[in-house]
Amino acid sequence: MRRPYASICAIALSGATFAQNVPDWIALDGFEFATPPTSFRFIDLDLRDPHVYLPIVLPPPLPTICSDFTDNALPGAGFSFNGAIQQSFGTDADPADGLLDASSLLWFRPLRQDGALARVDGGSADCVAPAPPISCAPTAGGVPRVAQYAAFSMGTCLAPRAGTLGAPPYSPAVTSSAAVGTEACFTTAPREALFEFDGVLVPLIDAQVAARFVGQPANALADGLLSGFLRETDANQILIANPSLPGGSATLASLLAGGSGNCSARNDKDSHRGESGWWFYFNFNATTVNFTGP
């Protein structure tokens, strides 16, 4: 199965109302392991902040340009960061295995839309091509991450933290996750998470996932928001190897505005827990899928 240029491989999933909903996570006494779970597969995932940049060297006497390839195709490579994610979710580059290139799932154990605290797992799965898949199965060796979640019938479940979005703001902007009409939203407890960037695992701290439930019971998740903080010390150590990068590799920090070696005049760096780094914000949508595992 081909590794996508960027995909979420493990999702560990807090609370963001007009004053954000903040659940009493300590009140949860143990986890119920409901099987089969209600399973949702991501159908799209877009990095909204920060953006990623690469220098593009043009033939003399033209100057080197700094290319924002978050949504726009990288000159000479023909792909964008978000476009590569969408392609991996919807295609099978290795027809021999019959599986979509990348699949990220949320397993609700059980699905609760009434405000009760419950369990949700997040991680990758093997899903049968073509998209949308008829079923998904556990990934060999995959270990889903366990988190708590709570649903709210009113207010905002998760929004970007104050002062953490780039200036000037990027477009499209980050979409917050909130209840709408009769559709509740959920939010998860903060914890560590991993996402996969070109086959490299990137650690996020205080990672959170939220979305609005569509339907009763829900058959889709809308206005999803995944957030987490990447420490600059970690970003400086993570090496991304890809033929499209100058010299074939680069540190993750060098792709982010404000990072060492980055070509952008912006500085998207934030501070969290006394450390510098970047708050990452991804928006997503998901739909139910038949999961054949426990």
C-alpha atoms as a PDB file:
ATOM      1  CA  MET A   1       0.000   0.000   0.000  1.00  0.00           C
ATOM      2  CA  ARG A   2       1.473   3.372  -0.977  1.00  0.00           C
ATOM      3  CA  ARG A   3       2.317   5.845   1.744  1.00  0.00           C
ATOM      4  CA  PRO A   4       0.570   9.163   1.023  1.00  0.00           C
ATOM      5  CA  TYR A   5       2.538  12.404   1.077  1.00  0.00           C
ATOM      6  CA  ALA A   6       0.634  13.347   4.208  1.00  0.00           C
ATOM      7  CA  SER A   7      -2.059  11.531   6.135  1.00  0.00           C
ATOM      8  CA  ILE A   8      -3.432  11.192   9.583  1.00  0.00           C
ATOM      9  CA  CYS A   9      -2.347   7.799  10.867  1.00  0.00           C
ATOM     10  CA  ALA A  10      -3.362   7.982  14.504  1.00  0.00           C
ATOM     11  CA  ILE A  11      -5.825  10.305  16.091  1.00  0.00           C
ATOM     12  CA  ALA A  12      -5.786  10.880  19.823  1.00  0.00           C
ATOM     13  CA  LEU A  13      -8.438  13.043  20.665  1.00  0.00           C
ATOM     14  CA  SER A  14     -10.961  18.713  24.488  1.00  0.00           C
ATOM     15  CA  GLY A  15     -12.992  21.064  24.953  1.00  0.00           C
ATOM     16  CA  ALA A  16     -13.522  24.325  23.265  1.00  0.00           C
ATOM     17  CA  THR A  17     -19.967  27.605  23.600  1.00  0.00           C
ATOM     18  CA  PHE A  18     -19.914  30.871  22.980  1.00  0.00           C
ATOM     19  CA  ALA A  19     -17.784  30.336  26.087  1.00  0.00           C
ATOM     20  CA  GLN A  20     -16.494  26.932  25.054  1.00  0.00           C
ATOM     21  CA  ASN A  21     -17.886  23.712  26.481  1.00  0.00           C
ATOM     22  CA  VAL A  22     -15.444  22.244  29.002  1.00  0.00           C
ATOM     23  CA  PRO A  23     -16.413  18.731  30.161  1.00  0.00           C
ATOM     24  CA  ASP A  24     -15.554  17.380  33.589  1.00  0.00           C
ATOM     25  CA  TRP A  25     -13.316  14.614  32.251  1.00  0.00           C
ATOM     26  CA  ILE A  26     -12.459  13.395  35.754  1.00  0.00           C
ATOM     27  CA  ALA A  27     -16.076  12.344  36.215  1.00  0.00           C
ATOM     28  CA  LEU A  28     -15.678   9.417  33.815  1.00  0.00           C
ATOM     29  CA  ASP A  29     -15.324   6.214  35.801  1.00  0.00           C
ATOM     30  CA  GLY A  30     -13.768   3.699  33.438  1.00  0.00           C
ATOM     31  CA  PHE A  31     -14.512   2.972  29.771  1.00  0.00           C
ATOM     32  CA  GLU A  32     -17.240   0.941  28.175  1.00  0.00           C
ATOM     33  CA  PHE A  33     -15.885  -1.094  25.259  1.00  0.00           C
ATOM     34  CA  ALA A  34     -18.894  -1.341  22.955  1.00  0.00           C
ATOM     35  CA  THR A  35     -18.587  -3.707  20.020  1.00  0.00           C
ATOM     36  CA  PRO A  36     -19.296  -3.374  17.220  1.00  0.00           C
ATOM     37  CA  PRO A  37     -18.506   0.333  17.324  1.00  0.00           C
ATOM     38  CA  THR A  38     -20.160   3.043  15.280  1.00  0.00           C
ATOM     39  CA  SER A  39     -17.351   3.811  12.842  1.00  0.00           C
ATOM     40  CA  PHE A  40     -16.676   6.948  10.826  1.00  0.00           C
ATOM     41  CA  ARG A  41     -14.089   7.274   8.047  1.00  0.00           C
ATOM     42  CA  PHE A  42     -12.572  10.620   7.089  1.00  0.00           C
ATOM     43  CA  ILE A  43     -13.602  11.595   3.558  1.00  0.00           C
ATOM     44  CA  ASP A  44     -11.542  14.789   3.524  1.00  0.00           C
ATOM     45  CA  LEU A  45      -8.897  16.432   5.664  1.00  0.00           C
ATOM     46  CA  ASP A  46      -7.389  19.885   5.130  1.00  0.00           C
ATOM     47  CA  LEU A  47      -4.564  21.664   6.914  1.00  0.00           C
ATOM     48  CA  ARG A  48      -5.812  25.206   7.568  1.00  0.00           C
ATOM     49  CA  ASP A  49      -3.101  26.645   9.824  1.00  0.00           C
ATOM     50  CA  PRO A  50      -0.118  26.784   9.654  1.00  0.00           C
ATOM     51  CA  HIS A  51       0.667  26.532   5.963  1.00  0.00           C
ATOM     52  CA  VAL A  52       3.651  24.742   4.431  1.00  0.00           C
ATOM     53  CA  TYR A  53       6.245  26.396   2.187  1.00  0.00           C
ATOM     54  CA  LEU A  54       9.104  25.402  -0.098  1.00  0.00           C
ATOM     55  CA  PRO A  55      11.652  27.492  -2.043  1.00  0.00           C
ATOM     56  CA  ILE A  56      11.451  26.994  -5.809  1.00  0.00           C
ATOM     57  CA  VAL A  57      14.700  27.706  -7.653  1.00  0.00           C
ATOM     58  CA  LEU A  58      14.071  29.177 -11.100  1.00  0.00           C
ATOM     59  CA  PRO A  59      16.578  29.432 -13.971  1.00  0.00           C
ATOM     60  CA  PRO A  60      18.745  32.594 -13.800  1.00  0.00           C
ATOM     61  CA  PRO A  61      18.155  35.461 -13.869  1.00  0.00           C
ATOM     62  CA  LEU A  62      14.777  34.679 -12.303  1.00  0.00           C
ATOM     63  CA  PRO A  63      14.693  34.857  -8.484  1.00  0.00           C
ATOM     64  CA  THR A  64      13.946  31.947  -6.189  1.00  0.00           C
ATOM     65  CA  ILE A  65      10.297  31.996  -5.157  1.00  0.00           C
ATOM     66  CA  CYS A  66       8.745  30.823  -1.906  1.00  0.00           C
ATOM     67  CA  SER A  67       5.812  28.554  -2.753  1.00  0.00           C
ATOM     68  CA  ASP A  68       2.891  27.974  -0.378  1.00  0.00           C
ATOM     69  CA  PHE A  69       1.917  24.440  -1.426  1.00  0.00           C
ATOM     70  CA  THR A  70      -0.753  23.870   1.224  1.00  0.00           C
ATOM     71  CA  ASP A  71      -3.578  24.172  -1.316  1.00  0.00           C
ATOM     72  CA  ASN A  72      -1.744  25.207  -4.485  1.00  0.00           C
ATOM     73  CA  ALA A  73       0.148  22.684  -6.570  1.00  0.00           C
ATOM     74  CA  LEU A  74       3.901  22.799  -6.053  1.00  0.00           C
ATOM     75  CA  PRO A  75       5.533  24.015  -9.298  1.00  0.00           C
ATOM     76  CA  GLY A  76       7.222  21.135 -11.069  1.00  0.00           C
ATOM     77  CA  ALA A  77       5.718  18.528  -8.747  1.00  0.00           C
ATOM     78  CA  GLY A  78       2.019  18.864  -9.568  1.00  0.00           C
ATOM     79  CA  PHE A  79       0.631  18.265  -6.086  1.00  0.00           C
ATOM     80  CA  SER A  80      -0.379  20.251  -3.030  1.00  0.00           C
ATOM     81  CA  PHE A  81      -0.222  19.140   0.600  1.00  0.00           C
ATOM     82  CA  ASN A  82      -4.010  18.992   1.028  1.00  0.00           C
ATOM     83  CA  GLY A  83      -4.504  17.649  -2.474  1.00  0.00           C
ATOM     84  CA  ALA A  84      -2.198  14.730  -1.719  1.00  0.00           C
ATOM     85  CA  ILE A  85      -4.215  13.888   1.387  1.00  0.00           C
ATOM     86  CA  GLN A  86      -7.465  13.900  -0.576  1.00  0.00           C
ATOM     87  CA  GLN A  87      -5.938  11.726  -3.286  1.00  0.00           C
ATOM     88  CA  SER A  88      -4.713   9.186  -0.740  1.00  0.00           C
ATOM     89  CA  PHE A  89      -8.189   8.946   0.819  1.00  0.00           C
ATOM     90  CA  GLY A  90      -9.844   8.327  -2.537  1.00  0.00           C
ATOM     91  CA  THR A  91      -7.479   6.244  -4.651  1.00  0.00           C
ATOM     92  CA  ASP A  92      -5.669   2.908  -4.736  1.00  0.00           C
ATOM     93  CA  ALA A  93      -2.188   3.317  -6.220  1.00  0.00           C
ATOM     94  CA  ASP A  94      -1.483  -0.399  -5.734  1.00  0.00           C
ATOM     95  CA  PRO A  95      -4.436  -2.278  -7.306  1.00  0.00           C
ATOM     96  CA  ALA A  96      -2.882  -5.568  -6.235  1.00  0.00           C
ATOM     97  CA  ASP A  97      -3.840  -4.975  -2.607  1.00  0.00           C
ATOM     98  CA  GLY A  98      -7.337  -3.673  -3.385  1.00  0.00           C
ATOM     99  CA  LEU A  99      -7.139  -1.095  -0.607  1.00  0.00           C
ATOM    100  CA  LEU A 100      -7.402   2.672  -0.532  1.00  0.00           C
ATOM    101  CA  ASP A 101      -4.023   4.312   0.034  1.00  0.00           C
ATOM    102  CA  ALA A 102      -4.975   5.895   3.370  1.00  0.00           C
ATOM    103  CA  SER A 103      -7.906   5.644   5.764  1.00  0.00           C
ATOM    104  CA  SER A 104      -8.397   7.314   9.131  1.00  0.00           C
ATOM    105  CA  LEU A 105     -11.273   6.218  11.341  1.00  0.00           C
ATOM    106  CA  LEU A 106     -13.037   7.187  14.563  1.00  0.00           C
ATOM    107  CA  TRP A 107     -14.684   4.334  16.469  1.00  0.00           C
ATOM    108  CA  PHE A 108     -17.377   5.423  18.963  1.00  0.00           C
ATOM    109  CA  ARG A 109     -17.791   2.820  21.726  1.00  0.00           C
ATOM    110  CA  PRO A 110     -20.706   3.527  21.973  1.00  0.00           C
ATOM    111  CA  LEU A 111     -22.083   6.450  19.988  1.00  0.00           C
ATOM    112  CA  ARG A 112     -23.628   8.854  22.525  1.00  0.00           C
ATOM    113  CA  GLN A 113     -25.257  12.094  21.401  1.00  0.00           C
ATOM    114  CA  ASP A 114     -26.921  12.857  24.739  1.00  0.00           C
ATOM    115  CA  GLY A 115     -24.027  14.462  26.615  1.00  0.00           C
ATOM    116  CA  ALA A 116     -22.847  11.375  28.473  1.00  0.00           C
ATOM    117  CA  LEU A 117     -19.104  10.804  28.627  1.00  0.00           C
ATOM    118  CA  ALA A 118     -18.017   7.809  26.555  1.00  0.00           C
ATOM    119  CA  ARG A 119     -15.126   6.250  24.670  1.00  0.00           C
ATOM    120  CA  VAL A 120     -13.872   6.960  21.161  1.00  0.00           C
ATOM    121  CA  ASP A 121     -10.888   5.320  19.478  1.00  0.00           C
ATOM    122  CA  GLY A 122      -8.952   6.818  16.587  1.00  0.00           C
ATOM    123  CA  GLY A 123      -6.487   5.391  14.102  1.00  0.00           C
ATOM    124  CA  SER A 124      -5.879   3.924  10.680  1.00  0.00           C
ATOM    125  CA  ALA A 125      -7.664   1.046   8.967  1.00  0.00           C
ATOM    126  CA  ASP A 126      -7.533  -0.954   5.740  1.00  0.00           C
ATOM    127  CA  CYS A 127     -10.510   0.041   3.581  1.00  0.00           C
ATOM    128  CA  VAL A 128     -11.580  -1.711   0.400  1.00  0.00           C
ATOM    129  CA  ALA A 129     -11.223   0.300  -2.849  1.00  0.00           C
ATOM    130  CA  PRO A 130     -12.858   2.074  -4.596  1.00  0.00           C
ATOM    131  CA  ALA A 131     -14.071   5.004  -2.516  1.00  0.00           C
ATOM    132  CA  PRO A 132     -16.423   5.138  -0.763  1.00  0.00           C
ATOM    133  CA  PRO A 133     -15.366   1.759   0.640  1.00  0.00           C
ATOM    134  CA  ILE A 134     -17.909  -0.962   1.332  1.00  0.00           C
ATOM    135  CA  SER A 135     -15.992  -1.992   4.450  1.00  0.00           C
ATOM    136  CA  CYS A 136     -12.853  -1.425   6.509  1.00  0.00           C
ATOM    137  CA  ALA A 137     -10.784  -3.856   8.550  1.00  0.00           C
ATOM    138  CA  PRO A 138      -8.142  -3.435  11.251  1.00  0.00           C
ATOM    139  CA  THR A 139      -4.665  -2.535  10.001  1.00  0.00           C
ATOM    140  CA  ALA A 140      -2.126  -5.232  10.805  1.00  0.00           C
ATOM    141  CA  GLY A 141      -0.136  -4.090  13.810  1.00  0.00           C
ATOM    142  CA  GLY A 142      -2.252  -0.973  14.206  1.00  0.00           C
ATOM    143  CA  VAL A 143      -2.996   0.177  17.731  1.00  0.00           C
ATOM    144  CA  PRO A 144      -5.938   2.606  17.924  1.00  0.00           C
ATOM    145  CA  ARG A 145      -5.642   5.368  20.516  1.00  0.00           C
ATOM    146  CA  VAL A 146      -8.307   5.568  23.199  1.00  0.00           C
ATOM    147  CA  ALA A 147      -9.892   8.855  24.245  1.00  0.00           C
ATOM    148  CA  GLN A 148     -12.900  10.244  26.082  1.00  0.00           C
ATOM    149  CA  TYR A 149     -15.562  12.331  24.403  1.00  0.00           C
ATOM    150  CA  ALA A 150     -18.674  14.250  25.372  1.00  0.00           C
ATOM    151  CA  ALA A 151     -21.515  15.671  23.259  1.00  0.00           C
ATOM    152  CA  PHE A 152     -23.203  19.058  23.660  1.00  0.00           C
ATOM    153  CA  SER A 153     -26.539  20.218  22.240  1.00  0.00           C
ATOM    154  CA  MET A 154     -25.533  23.908  22.295  1.00  0.00           C
ATOM    155  CA  GLY A 155     -22.450  26.035  21.811  1.00  0.00           C
ATOM    156  CA  THR A 156     -18.969  25.459  20.429  1.00  0.00           C
ATOM    157  CA  CYS A 157     -17.164  22.208  21.094  1.00  0.00           C
ATOM    158  CA  LEU A 158     -13.735  23.189  19.763  1.00  0.00           C
ATOM    159  CA  ALA A 159     -12.240  26.343  18.269  1.00  0.00           C
ATOM    160  CA  PRO A 160      -8.721  27.639  17.618  1.00  0.00           C
ATOM    161  CA  ARG A 161      -7.013  28.942  20.731  1.00  0.00           C
ATOM    162  CA  ALA A 162      -6.856  32.718  21.005  1.00  0.00           C
ATOM    163  CA  GLY A 163      -3.780  34.226  19.390  1.00  0.00           C
ATOM    164  CA  THR A 164      -2.636  31.027  17.665  1.00  0.00           C
ATOM    165  CA  LEU A 165      -3.729  31.708  14.077  1.00  0.00           C
ATOM    166  CA  GLY A 166      -1.291  33.179  11.595  1.00  0.00           C
ATOM    167  CA  ALA A 167      -1.331  36.889  10.727  1.00  0.00           C
ATOM    168  CA  PRO A 168      -2.533  37.895   8.246  1.00  0.00           C
ATOM    169  CA  PRO A 169      -5.053  35.053   8.458  1.00  0.00           C
ATOM    170  CA  TYR A 170      -4.978  32.248   5.926  1.00  0.00           C
ATOM    171  CA  SER A 171      -7.871  31.533   3.595  1.00  0.00           C
ATOM    172  CA  PRO A 172      -9.862  29.318   3.827  1.00  0.00           C
ATOM    173  CA  ALA A 173     -10.060  30.017   7.547  1.00  0.00           C
ATOM    174  CA  VAL A 174     -10.188  27.383  10.259  1.00  0.00           C
ATOM    175  CA  THR A 175     -13.781  26.226  10.856  1.00  0.00           C
ATOM    176  CA  SER A 176     -14.780  25.788  14.499  1.00  0.00           C
ATOM    177  CA  SER A 177     -16.861  22.790  15.527  1.00  0.00           C
ATOM    178  CA  ALA A 178     -20.227  23.738  17.049  1.00  0.00           C
ATOM    179  CA  ALA A 179     -23.766  22.472  17.589  1.00  0.00           C
ATOM    180  CA  VAL A 180     -26.241  23.645  14.943  1.00  0.00           C
ATOM    181  CA  GLY A 181     -30.008  23.478  15.487  1.00  0.00           C
ATOM    182  CA  THR A 182     -30.843  19.976  16.672  1.00  0.00           C
ATOM    183  CA  GLU A 183     -27.412  18.621  15.728  1.00  0.00           C
ATOM    184  CA  ALA A 184     -25.097  18.230  18.720  1.00  0.00           C
ATOM    185  CA  CYS A 185     -21.324  18.406  18.558  1.00  0.00           C
ATOM    186  CA  PHE A 186     -18.745  16.380  20.461  1.00  0.00           C
ATOM    187  CA  THR A 187     -15.287  17.112  21.791  1.00  0.00           C
ATOM    188  CA  THR A 188     -12.561  14.881  23.133  1.00  0.00           C
ATOM    189  CA  ALA A 189     -10.190  15.052  26.069  1.00  0.00           C
ATOM    190  CA  PRO A 190      -6.718  16.486  25.349  1.00  0.00           C
ATOM    191  CA  ARG A 191      -3.888  14.010  24.947  1.00  0.00           C
ATOM    192  CA  GLU A 192      -0.910  13.158  22.772  1.00  0.00           C
ATOM    193  CA  ALA A 193      -1.420  12.207  19.138  1.00  0.00           C
ATOM    194  CA  LEU A 194       0.542  11.265  16.048  1.00  0.00           C
ATOM    195  CA  PHE A 195       0.009  12.201  12.450  1.00  0.00           C
ATOM    196  CA  GLU A 196       1.878  10.822   9.487  1.00  0.00           C
ATOM    197  CA  PHE A 197       3.766  13.219   7.240  1.00  0.00           C
ATOM    198  CA  ASP A 198       5.218  11.407   4.221  1.00  0.00           C
ATOM    199  CA  GLY A 199       5.727   8.248   6.256  1.00  0.00           C
ATOM    200  CA  VAL A 200       7.167  10.086   9.284  1.00  0.00           C
ATOM    201  CA  LEU A 201       5.291  10.159  12.586  1.00  0.00           C
ATOM    202  CA  VAL A 202       4.855  13.683  13.949  1.00  0.00           C
ATOM    203  CA  PRO A 203       3.996  14.055  17.674  1.00  0.00           C
ATOM    204  CA  LEU A 204       1.345  16.548  18.770  1.00  0.00           C
ATOM    205  CA  ILE A 205       0.610  17.423  22.393  1.00  0.00           C
ATOM    206  CA  ASP A 206      -2.780  18.452  23.815  1.00  0.00           C
ATOM    207  CA  ALA A 207      -4.382  17.097  20.653  1.00  0.00           C
ATOM    208  CA  GLN A 208      -8.155  17.393  20.374  1.00  0.00           C
ATOM    209  CA  VAL A 209     -10.826  16.274  17.915  1.00  0.00           C
ATOM    210  CA  ALA A 210     -14.352  17.624  17.595  1.00  0.00           C
ATOM    211  CA  ALA A 211     -17.163  17.557  15.039  1.00  0.00           C
ATOM    212  CA  ARG A 212     -20.902  18.027  14.609  1.00  0.00           C
ATOM    213  CA  PHE A 213     -23.101  14.915  14.519  1.00  0.00           C
ATOM    214  CA  VAL A 214     -25.295  14.748  11.407  1.00  0.00           C
ATOM    215  CA  GLY A 215     -28.418  12.632  11.873  1.00  0.00           C
ATOM    216  CA  GLN A 216     -29.994  10.820  14.817  1.00  0.00           C
ATOM    217  CA  PRO A 217     -28.299   8.458  15.189  1.00  0.00           C
ATOM    218  CA  ALA A 218     -25.431  10.134  13.376  1.00  0.00           C
ATOM    219  CA  ASN A 219     -24.418   8.878   9.936  1.00  0.00           C
ATOM    220  CA  ALA A 220     -21.867  11.620   9.275  1.00  0.00           C
ATOM    221  CA  LEU A 221     -19.561  14.091  11.007  1.00  0.00           C
ATOM    222  CA  ALA A 222     -19.412  17.691   9.727  1.00  0.00           C
ATOM    223  CA  ASP A 223     -17.280  20.757  10.503  1.00  0.00           C
ATOM    224  CA  GLY A 224     -14.676  18.528  12.106  1.00  0.00           C
ATOM    225  CA  LEU A 225     -11.655  20.136  13.747  1.00  0.00           C
ATOM    226  CA  LEU A 226      -8.440  18.383  14.736  1.00  0.00           C
ATOM    227  CA  SER A 227      -5.889  20.460  16.652  1.00  0.00           C
ATOM    228  CA  GLY A 228      -2.594  19.851  18.416  1.00  0.00           C
ATOM    229  CA  PHE A 229       0.709  21.513  19.260  1.00  0.00           C
ATOM    230  CA  LEU A 230       3.992  20.592  17.582  1.00  0.00           C
ATOM    231  CA  ARG A 231       7.057  21.584  19.584  1.00  0.00           C
ATOM    232  CA  GLU A 232       9.785  23.331  17.620  1.00  0.00           C
ATOM    233  CA  THR A 233      12.394  21.030  19.150  1.00  0.00           C
ATOM    234  CA  ASP A 234      10.556  18.069  17.644  1.00  0.00           C
ATOM    235  CA  ALA A 235      10.047  19.791  14.277  1.00  0.00           C
ATOM    236  CA  ASN A 236      13.796  20.462  14.048  1.00  0.00           C
ATOM    237  CA  GLN A 237      14.549  16.750  14.490  1.00  0.00           C
ATOM    238  CA  ILE A 238      11.969  15.375  12.052  1.00  0.00           C
ATOM    239  CA  LEU A 239      13.451  14.767   8.614  1.00  0.00           C
ATOM    240  CA  ILE A 240      11.081  14.615   5.663  1.00  0.00           C
ATOM    241  CA  ALA A 241      12.497  12.667   2.730  1.00  0.00           C
ATOM    242  CA  ASN A 242      10.795  13.332  -0.590  1.00  0.00           C
ATOM    243  CA  PRO A 243      12.163  13.750  -4.140  1.00  0.00           C
ATOM    244  CA  SER A 244      10.224  17.012  -4.495  1.00  0.00           C
ATOM    245  CA  LEU A 245      12.173  18.635  -1.663  1.00  0.00           C
ATOM    246  CA  PRO A 246      15.438  20.520  -2.311  1.00  0.00           C
ATOM    247  CA  GLY A 247      18.201  17.959  -1.975  1.00  0.00           C
ATOM    248  CA  GLY A 248      15.602  15.232  -1.459  1.00  0.00           C
ATOM    249  CA  SER A 249      14.966  15.969   2.216  1.00  0.00           C
ATOM    250  CA  ALA A 250      14.239  18.766   4.674  1.00  0.00           C
ATOM    251  CA  THR A 251      13.385  19.201   8.328  1.00  0.00           C
ATOM    252  CA  LEU A 252       9.718  19.656   9.104  1.00  0.00           C
ATOM    253  CA  ALA A 253      10.565  22.984  10.788  1.00  0.00           C
ATOM    254  CA  SER A 254      11.959  24.294   7.490  1.00  0.00           C
ATOM    255  CA  LEU A 255       8.535  23.819   5.848  1.00  0.00           C
ATOM    256  CA  LEU A 256       6.763  25.939   8.485  1.00  0.00           C
ATOM    257  CA  ALA A 257       6.810  29.751   8.553  1.00  0.00           C
ATOM    258  CA  GLY A 258       9.129  30.910  11.315  1.00  0.00           C
ATOM    259  CA  GLY A 259      11.062  27.650  11.356  1.00  0.00           C
ATOM    260  CA  SER A 260      14.783  27.436  10.776  1.00  0.00           C
ATOM    261  CA  GLY A 261      15.473  27.518   7.037  1.00  0.00           C
ATOM    262  CA  ASN A 262      11.923  28.407   6.001  1.00  0.00           C
ATOM    263  CA  CYS A 263      11.645  30.712   2.989  1.00  0.00           C
ATOM    264  CA  SER A 264       8.496  32.609   4.032  1.00  0.00           C
ATOM    265  CA  ALA A 265       8.619  36.124   5.493  1.00  0.00           C
ATOM    266  CA  ARG A 266       5.784  35.131   7.841  1.00  0.00           C
ATOM    267  CA  ASN A 267       6.231  33.798  11.349  1.00  0.00           C
ATOM    268  CA  ASP A 268       3.462  31.373  12.316  1.00  0.00           C
ATOM    269  CA  LYS A 269       5.137  30.142  15.498  1.00  0.00           C
ATOM    270  CA  ASP A 270       3.178  29.930  18.744  1.00  0.00           C
ATOM    271  CA  SER A 271       4.051  29.277  22.377  1.00  0.00           C
ATOM    272  CA  HIS A 272       2.532  26.578  24.577  1.00  0.00           C
ATOM    273  CA  ARG A 273       3.598  25.282  27.970  1.00  0.00           C
ATOM    274  CA  GLY A 274       6.622  27.558  27.813  1.00  0.00           C
ATOM    275  CA  GLU A 275       7.862  26.065  24.519  1.00  0.00           C
ATOM    276  CA  SER A 276       7.866  27.456  20.998  1.00  0.00           C
ATOM    277  CA  GLY A 277       6.231  25.567  18.173  1.00  0.00           C
ATOM    278  CA  TRP A 278       3.113  25.559  16.007  1.00  0.00           C
ATOM    279  CA  TRP A 279      -0.542  24.898  16.730  1.00  0.00           C
ATOM    280  CA  PHE A 280      -1.848  22.694  13.905  1.00  0.00           C
ATOM    281  CA  TYR A 281      -5.496  22.981  12.826  1.00  0.00           C
ATOM    282  CA  PHE A 282      -7.064  20.509  10.379  1.00  0.00           C
ATOM    283  CA  ASN A 283     -10.698  20.565   9.236  1.00  0.00           C
ATOM    284  CA  PHE A 284     -12.401  17.328   8.220  1.00  0.00           C
ATOM    285  CA  ASN A 285     -15.650  15.554   7.387  1.00  0.00           C
ATOM    286  CA  ALA A 286     -16.445  11.883   7.849  1.00  0.00           C
ATOM    287  CA  THR A 287     -19.147   9.329   7.073  1.00  0.00           C
ATOM    288  CA  THR A 288     -20.136   6.011   8.614  1.00  0.00           C
ATOM    289  CA  VAL A 289     -18.463   2.879   7.323  1.00  0.00           C
ATOM    290  CA  ASN A 290     -18.872  -0.826   7.993  1.00  0.00           C
ATOM    291  CA  PHE A 291     -15.970  -1.928  10.203  1.00  0.00           C
ATOM    292  CA  THR A 292     -15.293  -5.665  10.382  1.00  0.00           C
ATOM    293  CA  GLY A 293     -13.082  -5.580  13.480  1.00  0.00           C
ATOM    294  CA  PRO A 294     -14.082  -5.801  17.145  1.00  0.00           C
END
